[in-house]
Amino acid sequence: MKYVADEELAAWMAFAQLGIGWGTKLILSIYEHTGSLAFAWEANSAQLRLVPILRGLDHQVNKFLERRREINPERLLQVATQKGVSAIPLCDQRYP
């Protein structure tokens, strides 16, 4: 566990906004496999299908790729910062 960079924090915020039924277990599994949700956010379909929990879930991967086009992680972080909101992702050592 560590403190996370803004790019990683923004990706965690973006994954939380997907609204496609991906819960904490799935997102944590993606993080553990890739080592970075920022990397996973930018991954192509072939890279995502290498994540064990996503194998055989082509429909879910496609839903993610479609929804990802509608979400701007940097903007989410910017809005949160402007509103004085501090987000702490699960991978941050400060997370309770």
Protein backbone atom coordinates (compact mmCIF):
# COMPACT_ATOMS: atom_id res chain seq x y z
CA MET A 1 0.00 0.00 0.00
CA LYS A 2 1.12 3.52 -0.74
CA TYR A 3 -0.03 7.05 -1.34
CA VAL A 4 -1.30 7.30 -4.88
CA ALA A 5 -0.52 9.80 -7.62
CA ASP A 6 -3.24 12.00 -9.06
CA GLU A 7 -3.46 9.91 -12.24
CA GLU A 8 -4.09 6.76 -10.21
CA LEU A 9 -6.60 8.49 -7.95
CA ALA A 10 -8.47 9.82 -10.98
CA ALA A 11 -8.66 6.29 -12.41
CA TRP A 12 -10.08 4.92 -9.14
CA MET A 13 -12.70 7.66 -9.24
CA ALA A 14 -13.51 6.84 -12.86
CA PHE A 15 -13.92 3.12 -12.15
CA ALA A 16 -16.32 4.05 -9.36
CA GLN A 17 -18.42 5.99 -11.88
CA LEU A 18 -18.74 3.22 -14.47
CA GLY A 19 -22.25 2.18 -13.48
CA ILE A 20 -21.96 -1.18 -15.25
CA GLY A 21 -22.20 -3.41 -12.22
CA TRP A 22 -18.50 -3.72 -11.46
CA GLY A 23 -18.16 -3.98 -7.72
CA THR A 24 -15.26 -3.68 -5.35
CA LYS A 25 -14.13 -7.30 -5.74
CA LEU A 26 -13.86 -7.05 -9.51
CA ILE A 27 -12.15 -3.66 -9.46
CA LEU A 28 -9.68 -4.81 -6.79
CA SER A 29 -8.93 -7.90 -8.85
CA ILE A 30 -8.19 -5.71 -11.88
CA TYR A 31 -5.95 -3.51 -9.75
CA GLU A 32 -4.10 -6.49 -8.27
CA HIS A 33 -3.52 -7.99 -11.71
CA THR A 34 -2.44 -4.78 -13.46
CA GLY A 35 -0.84 -2.98 -10.53
CA SER A 36 -2.55 0.24 -11.57
CA LEU A 37 -6.10 1.27 -12.35
CA ALA A 38 -4.63 4.11 -14.41
CA PHE A 39 -3.04 1.45 -16.63
CA ALA A 40 -6.25 -0.59 -16.67
CA TRP A 41 -8.26 2.50 -17.62
CA GLU A 42 -6.16 2.91 -20.76
CA ALA A 43 -5.89 -0.82 -21.54
CA ASN A 44 -7.23 -2.23 -24.78
CA SER A 45 -9.62 -5.16 -24.94
CA ALA A 46 -6.85 -7.74 -25.38
CA GLN A 47 -5.02 -6.44 -22.29
CA LEU A 48 -8.22 -6.44 -20.23
CA ARG A 49 -9.05 -9.99 -21.25
CA LEU A 50 -5.75 -11.10 -19.68
CA VAL A 51 -7.13 -10.16 -16.26
CA PRO A 52 -8.28 -13.51 -14.83
CA ILE A 53 -11.59 -12.22 -13.47
CA LEU A 54 -12.48 -10.78 -16.91
CA ARG A 55 -11.63 -13.88 -18.95
CA GLY A 56 -14.68 -15.01 -20.87
CA LEU A 57 -16.57 -11.83 -20.01
CA ASP A 58 -16.28 -10.20 -23.43
CA HIS A 59 -19.63 -8.45 -23.00
CA GLN A 60 -18.46 -6.85 -19.74
CA VAL A 61 -15.16 -5.77 -21.30
CA ASN A 62 -17.05 -4.23 -24.22
CA LYS A 63 -19.41 -2.42 -21.82
CA PHE A 64 -16.37 -1.02 -20.02
CA LEU A 65 -14.75 0.14 -23.27
CA GLU A 66 -17.98 1.89 -24.32
CA ARG A 67 -18.60 3.53 -20.95
CA ARG A 68 -14.97 4.60 -20.61
CA ARG A 69 -15.42 6.95 -23.58
CA GLU A 70 -17.99 8.90 -21.58
CA ILE A 71 -15.91 9.43 -18.43
CA ASN A 72 -13.00 11.82 -18.02
CA PRO A 73 -10.96 10.75 -14.98
CA GLU A 74 -8.95 13.97 -14.85
CA ARG A 75 -12.15 16.01 -14.86
CA LEU A 76 -13.59 13.93 -12.01
CA LEU A 77 -10.50 14.65 -9.93
CA GLN A 78 -10.57 18.34 -10.87
CA VAL A 79 -14.21 18.73 -9.82
CA ALA A 80 -13.60 16.90 -6.54
CA THR A 81 -10.59 19.10 -5.81
CA GLN A 82 -12.51 22.28 -6.61
CA LYS A 83 -15.27 21.21 -4.22
CA GLY A 84 -12.78 20.41 -1.47
CA VAL A 85 -13.49 16.67 -1.58
CA SER A 86 -10.65 14.31 -0.71
CA ALA A 87 -10.88 10.81 -2.14
CA ILE A 88 -8.83 7.94 -0.76
CA PRO A 89 -8.80 4.81 -2.91
CA LEU A 90 -8.58 1.30 -1.49
CA CYS A 91 -4.93 1.00 -2.53
CA ASP A 92 -3.86 4.07 -0.53
CA GLN A 93 -2.20 3.43 2.82
CA ARG A 94 -4.47 6.04 4.38
CA TYR A 95 -7.58 4.03 3.51
CA PRO A 96 -9.25 2.88 6.72
